[in-house]
Amino acid sequence: MIIELVLAAVAALEAVGLVALFVLLRRRGRELDELQRKFDNRQLLMLGGREAVKTVWDTANLLRKKGFRGAVLTSIENLAGWAQVERPDLAGLTPDGHVVIMFSDIEGSTALNERLGDQSWVKLLGRHDRLIRHRVAKCGGHIVKSQGDGFMIAFAEPEQAVRCGLDIQAALGNGAKSMGREHVRVRIGIHMGKSVRRGDDLFGRNVAMAARVAGQANGGEVLVSEAVREAIADEPDIAVVAEREAELKGLHGTHRLYTVRRQGD
């Protein structure tokens, strides 16, 4: 009888222990789930902000290396220099090897960074980065490289590039709409030519040409070369609203450049 009572007591204790262990395991499971959720959210935030943080570090490095005066040249000069050295293979975009190159950057970005401070500048760059990438993807473009607030973008067709540029300017209200608290004016220049990776300097010249066209653009403007204007002449929804001649650094002679907008704008 005593043995039976002892066995019953032991069984009862084991049952209580199992219940307690089950409760503890469930509690630990919930804690692990919560930790995993927080970790996943943090990872998403890190991935979402990685490009914006990278652009800020690139800008800071540029300021350290070249100082304020050098940084005023903007990311376009640096992207063009990188492209001429690296010679990225863009010929695969089109069967005949012709490619349309677009450069963009924020007008007065260095002064804007100084005025906003680094934290606000990071947030602005993130919004700007997302806007550009969204519009480029929508128009079938390919981002070759970005640095700071500057982008080098390739398209197969000139109308794709021009419409992308016009979409970006429309999203920004040609500089009239604010991005956060600031009105951001973006300069866009577009040129087209043959892409050659090795053994020729045509690629380097066309990159330089596109960069120089963008350098002549004003904030809120889409400026195109003669070659692009001729290629989009039959597009009914795109209009040339102004033209001018300019001397472009490193390129012989004067060049006629054209401001384009959508019909009715």
Protein backbone atom coordinates (compact mmCIF):
# COMPACT_ATOMS: atom_id res chain seq x y z
CA MET A 1 0.00 0.00 0.00
CA ILE A 2 2.78 2.40 0.93
CA ILE A 3 4.65 1.54 -2.27
CA GLU A 4 1.52 2.30 -4.32
CA LEU A 5 1.16 5.70 -2.62
CA VAL A 6 4.82 6.51 -3.27
CA LEU A 7 4.49 5.54 -6.94
CA ALA A 8 1.35 7.66 -7.26
CA ALA A 9 3.12 10.63 -5.69
CA VAL A 10 6.08 10.20 -8.04
CA ALA A 11 3.73 10.00 -11.03
CA ALA A 12 1.95 13.16 -9.88
CA LEU A 13 5.26 15.00 -9.50
CA GLU A 14 6.34 13.85 -12.96
CA ALA A 15 3.06 15.12 -14.42
CA VAL A 16 3.50 18.50 -12.73
CA GLY A 17 7.10 18.62 -13.99
CA LEU A 18 6.00 17.84 -17.54
CA VAL A 19 3.34 20.55 -17.43
CA ALA A 20 5.86 23.07 -16.09
CA LEU A 21 8.37 22.07 -18.77
CA PHE A 22 5.72 22.44 -21.47
CA VAL A 23 4.79 25.93 -20.23
CA LEU A 24 8.46 26.93 -20.07
CA LEU A 25 9.12 25.64 -23.59
CA ARG A 26 6.14 27.55 -24.98
CA ARG A 27 7.29 30.72 -23.26
CA ARG A 28 10.80 30.30 -24.66
CA GLY A 29 9.29 29.63 -28.09
CA ARG A 30 7.34 32.90 -27.97
CA GLU A 31 10.46 34.77 -26.86
CA LEU A 32 12.45 33.26 -29.74
CA ASP A 33 9.69 34.17 -32.20
CA GLU A 34 9.72 37.76 -30.93
CA LEU A 35 13.49 37.95 -31.20
CA GLN A 36 13.35 36.55 -34.74
CA ARG A 37 10.68 39.09 -35.71
CA LYS A 38 12.77 41.97 -34.36
CA PHE A 39 15.86 40.61 -36.13
CA ASP A 40 13.99 40.27 -39.44
CA ASN A 41 12.64 43.82 -39.14
CA ARG A 42 16.10 45.12 -38.39
CA GLN A 43 17.48 43.27 -41.40
CA LEU A 44 14.79 44.79 -43.63
CA LEU A 45 15.59 48.27 -42.36
CA MET A 46 19.29 47.68 -42.90
CA LEU A 47 18.72 46.42 -46.43
CA GLY A 48 16.36 49.29 -47.24
CA GLY A 49 18.78 51.90 -45.98
CA ARG A 50 22.00 50.34 -47.22
CA GLU A 51 22.02 52.17 -50.56
CA ALA A 52 21.30 55.51 -48.92
CA VAL A 53 24.06 55.00 -46.37
CA LYS A 54 26.47 53.99 -49.13
CA THR A 55 25.74 57.16 -51.07
CA VAL A 56 26.49 59.25 -48.00
CA TRP A 57 29.79 57.49 -47.39
CA ASP A 58 30.69 57.99 -51.04
CA THR A 59 29.93 61.69 -50.72
CA ALA A 60 31.91 61.98 -47.50
CA ASN A 61 34.89 60.21 -49.06
CA LEU A 62 34.71 62.53 -52.04
CA LEU A 63 34.79 65.56 -49.75
CA ARG A 64 37.78 64.16 -47.84
CA LYS A 65 39.73 63.35 -51.00
CA LYS A 66 39.01 66.45 -53.07
CA GLY A 67 37.78 69.02 -50.60
CA PHE A 68 34.83 71.33 -51.08
CA ARG A 69 36.04 72.73 -54.41
CA GLY A 70 36.55 69.29 -55.90
CA ALA A 71 33.19 68.04 -54.68
CA VAL A 72 31.44 70.94 -56.39
CA LEU A 73 32.21 69.19 -59.68
CA THR A 74 29.47 66.75 -58.60
CA SER A 75 29.19 63.01 -58.95
CA ILE A 76 28.72 63.21 -62.71
CA GLU A 77 32.41 63.94 -63.29
CA ASN A 78 33.42 61.06 -61.05
CA LEU A 79 30.98 58.63 -62.63
CA ALA A 80 32.17 59.57 -66.11
CA GLY A 81 35.79 59.12 -65.05
CA TRP A 82 35.01 55.73 -63.53
CA ALA A 83 33.20 54.58 -66.69
CA GLN A 84 36.08 55.57 -68.97
CA VAL A 85 38.53 53.61 -66.81
CA GLU A 86 36.36 50.56 -66.12
CA ARG A 87 34.71 50.43 -69.56
CA PRO A 88 31.54 48.56 -68.48
CA ASP A 89 30.19 46.36 -71.26
CA LEU A 90 26.96 48.02 -72.39
CA ALA A 91 26.97 46.68 -75.96
CA GLY A 92 24.72 43.80 -74.95
CA LEU A 93 21.80 46.16 -74.46
CA THR A 94 21.21 46.49 -78.19
CA PRO A 95 22.08 44.28 -81.19
CA ASP A 96 23.94 47.06 -83.02
CA GLY A 97 25.90 48.13 -79.95
CA HIS A 98 24.35 51.59 -79.74
CA VAL A 99 23.43 52.66 -76.24
CA VAL A 100 21.75 55.70 -74.73
CA ILE A 101 23.49 57.13 -71.66
CA MET A 102 21.80 59.34 -69.12
CA PHE A 103 23.49 61.15 -66.23
CA SER A 104 21.59 62.79 -63.40
CA ASP A 105 22.45 64.53 -60.15
CA ILE A 106 20.97 66.95 -57.64
CA GLU A 107 21.69 70.58 -58.44
CA GLY A 108 23.70 72.23 -55.67
CA SER A 109 23.97 68.98 -53.72
CA THR A 110 27.11 69.94 -51.80
CA ALA A 111 25.58 73.16 -50.50
CA LEU A 112 22.36 71.30 -49.72
CA ASN A 113 24.28 68.71 -47.72
CA GLU A 114 26.03 71.48 -45.79
CA ARG A 115 22.73 73.17 -44.99
CA LEU A 116 20.83 70.03 -43.99
CA GLY A 117 23.51 68.22 -42.04
CA ASP A 118 24.42 64.58 -42.48
CA GLN A 119 21.37 62.98 -40.87
CA SER A 120 18.79 64.84 -42.96
CA TRP A 121 20.99 64.46 -46.04
CA VAL A 122 20.95 60.67 -45.58
CA LYS A 123 17.15 60.67 -45.51
CA LEU A 124 16.91 62.89 -48.56
CA LEU A 125 19.37 60.71 -50.49
CA GLY A 126 17.33 57.64 -49.62
CA ARG A 127 14.13 59.17 -51.00
CA HIS A 128 15.95 60.43 -54.09
CA ASP A 129 17.57 57.02 -54.64
CA ARG A 130 14.24 55.19 -54.44
CA LEU A 131 12.58 57.63 -56.83
CA ILE A 132 15.31 57.29 -59.46
CA ARG A 133 15.49 53.50 -59.25
CA HIS A 134 11.71 53.14 -59.47
CA ARG A 135 11.44 55.34 -62.57
CA VAL A 136 14.43 53.71 -64.27
CA ALA A 137 13.03 50.21 -63.73
CA LYS A 138 9.62 51.31 -65.00
CA CYS A 139 11.18 52.67 -68.22
CA GLY A 140 13.36 49.63 -68.88
CA GLY A 141 16.67 51.27 -68.03
CA HIS A 142 19.79 49.86 -66.40
CA ILE A 143 21.65 51.67 -63.62
CA VAL A 144 25.32 51.28 -64.50
CA LYS A 145 26.60 52.98 -61.35
CA SER A 146 25.54 55.47 -58.70
CA GLN A 147 27.67 57.64 -56.46
CA GLY A 148 26.39 60.11 -53.93
CA ASP A 149 23.47 61.84 -55.59
CA GLY A 150 24.64 61.00 -59.13
CA PHE A 151 23.49 58.22 -61.45
CA MET A 152 24.83 56.82 -64.71
CA ILE A 153 22.01 54.99 -66.49
CA ALA A 154 21.89 53.09 -69.79
CA PHE A 155 18.93 52.53 -72.10
CA ALA A 156 18.47 50.61 -75.33
CA GLU A 157 16.26 53.26 -76.94
CA PRO A 158 16.45 57.08 -76.81
CA GLU A 159 12.71 57.51 -76.19
CA GLN A 160 13.01 55.28 -73.11
CA ALA A 161 15.72 57.51 -71.68
CA VAL A 162 13.91 60.75 -72.48
CA ARG A 163 10.62 59.54 -71.04
CA CYS A 164 12.42 58.34 -67.92
CA GLY A 165 14.02 61.75 -67.49
CA LEU A 166 10.68 63.47 -67.99
CA ASP A 167 9.03 61.10 -65.49
CA ILE A 168 11.66 61.94 -62.89
CA GLN A 169 11.21 65.68 -63.43
CA ALA A 170 7.42 65.31 -63.31
CA ALA A 171 7.65 63.40 -60.02
CA LEU A 172 9.70 66.29 -58.63
CA GLY A 173 7.48 68.92 -60.22
CA ASN A 174 10.53 70.20 -62.14
CA GLY A 175 11.96 71.23 -58.79
CA ALA A 176 8.73 72.76 -57.45
CA LYS A 177 7.73 69.80 -55.26
CA SER A 178 9.52 69.15 -52.02
CA MET A 179 11.27 65.93 -51.06
CA GLY A 180 10.72 65.99 -47.34
CA ARG A 181 11.21 69.62 -46.38
CA GLU A 182 13.47 70.50 -49.27
CA HIS A 183 12.81 71.38 -52.90
CA VAL A 184 15.13 69.19 -54.93
CA ARG A 185 16.11 70.13 -58.46
CA VAL A 186 17.68 67.37 -60.55
CA ARG A 187 19.84 67.91 -63.64
CA ILE A 188 19.50 65.33 -66.42
CA GLY A 189 21.57 65.00 -69.59
CA ILE A 190 21.21 62.36 -72.32
CA HIS A 191 23.41 61.33 -75.25
CA MET A 192 23.54 58.25 -77.47
CA GLY A 193 26.33 56.56 -79.37
CA LYS A 194 28.12 53.28 -79.96
CA SER A 195 29.34 51.37 -76.93
CA VAL A 196 32.76 49.75 -77.25
CA ARG A 197 34.41 48.01 -74.32
CA ARG A 198 37.96 47.55 -75.64
CA GLY A 199 40.16 48.67 -78.47
CA ASP A 200 38.39 51.95 -79.23
CA ASP A 201 37.72 55.26 -77.52
CA LEU A 202 34.16 55.73 -78.82
CA PHE A 203 32.71 54.51 -75.55
CA GLY A 204 34.85 56.90 -73.56
CA ARG A 205 33.91 59.81 -75.80
CA ASN A 206 30.20 59.07 -75.62
CA VAL A 207 30.31 58.78 -71.85
CA ALA A 208 32.14 62.09 -71.68
CA MET A 209 29.61 63.65 -74.04
CA ALA A 210 26.65 62.50 -71.93
CA ALA A 211 28.34 63.77 -68.78
CA ARG A 212 29.06 67.16 -70.36
CA VAL A 213 25.44 67.47 -71.54
CA ALA A 214 24.24 66.79 -67.99
CA GLY A 215 26.74 69.34 -66.71
CA GLN A 216 25.11 71.98 -68.93
CA ALA A 217 21.60 71.17 -67.70
CA ASN A 218 19.79 73.29 -65.15
CA GLY A 219 17.84 71.88 -62.24
CA GLY A 220 14.47 70.59 -63.40
CA GLU A 221 15.68 70.30 -67.00
CA VAL A 222 16.09 67.32 -69.36
CA LEU A 223 18.81 68.29 -71.83
CA VAL A 224 19.65 66.10 -74.84
CA SER A 225 22.30 66.03 -77.55
CA GLU A 226 21.73 66.45 -81.28
CA ALA A 227 21.82 62.68 -81.78
CA VAL A 228 19.05 62.12 -79.24
CA ARG A 229 16.92 64.97 -80.59
CA GLU A 230 17.06 63.49 -84.09
CA ALA A 231 16.16 60.02 -82.78
CA ILE A 232 13.02 61.25 -80.96
CA ALA A 233 11.88 63.71 -83.63
CA ASP A 234 8.86 61.57 -84.53
CA GLU A 235 7.66 61.04 -80.97
CA PRO A 236 4.36 62.97 -80.81
CA ASP A 237 4.31 63.42 -77.05
CA ILE A 238 7.84 64.86 -76.73
CA ALA A 239 8.60 68.45 -77.70
CA VAL A 240 11.77 70.50 -78.00
CA VAL A 241 11.11 73.72 -76.11
CA ALA A 242 14.54 75.38 -76.27
CA GLU A 243 17.94 74.96 -77.86
CA ARG A 244 21.38 76.41 -77.31
CA GLU A 245 24.97 75.99 -78.37
CA ALA A 246 27.65 75.15 -75.84
CA GLU A 247 31.33 74.36 -75.70
CA LEU A 248 31.84 71.09 -73.88
CA LYS A 249 35.02 70.48 -71.93
CA GLY A 250 37.35 68.06 -73.68
CA LEU A 251 35.23 67.92 -76.85
CA HIS A 252 36.09 69.86 -79.98
CA GLY A 253 33.93 72.70 -81.27
CA THR A 254 30.48 73.80 -80.18
CA HIS A 255 27.53 71.49 -79.68
CA ARG A 256 23.82 72.15 -80.05
CA LEU A 257 21.79 70.99 -77.04
CA TYR A 258 18.03 70.77 -76.65
CA THR A 259 15.64 71.06 -73.73
CA VAL A 260 12.77 68.58 -74.06
CA ARG A 261 9.40 68.37 -72.36
CA ARG A 262 6.16 66.52 -72.81
CA GLN A 263 3.67 68.13 -75.14
CA GLY A 264 1.37 70.39 -73.17
CA ASP A 265 3.67 70.85 -70.16
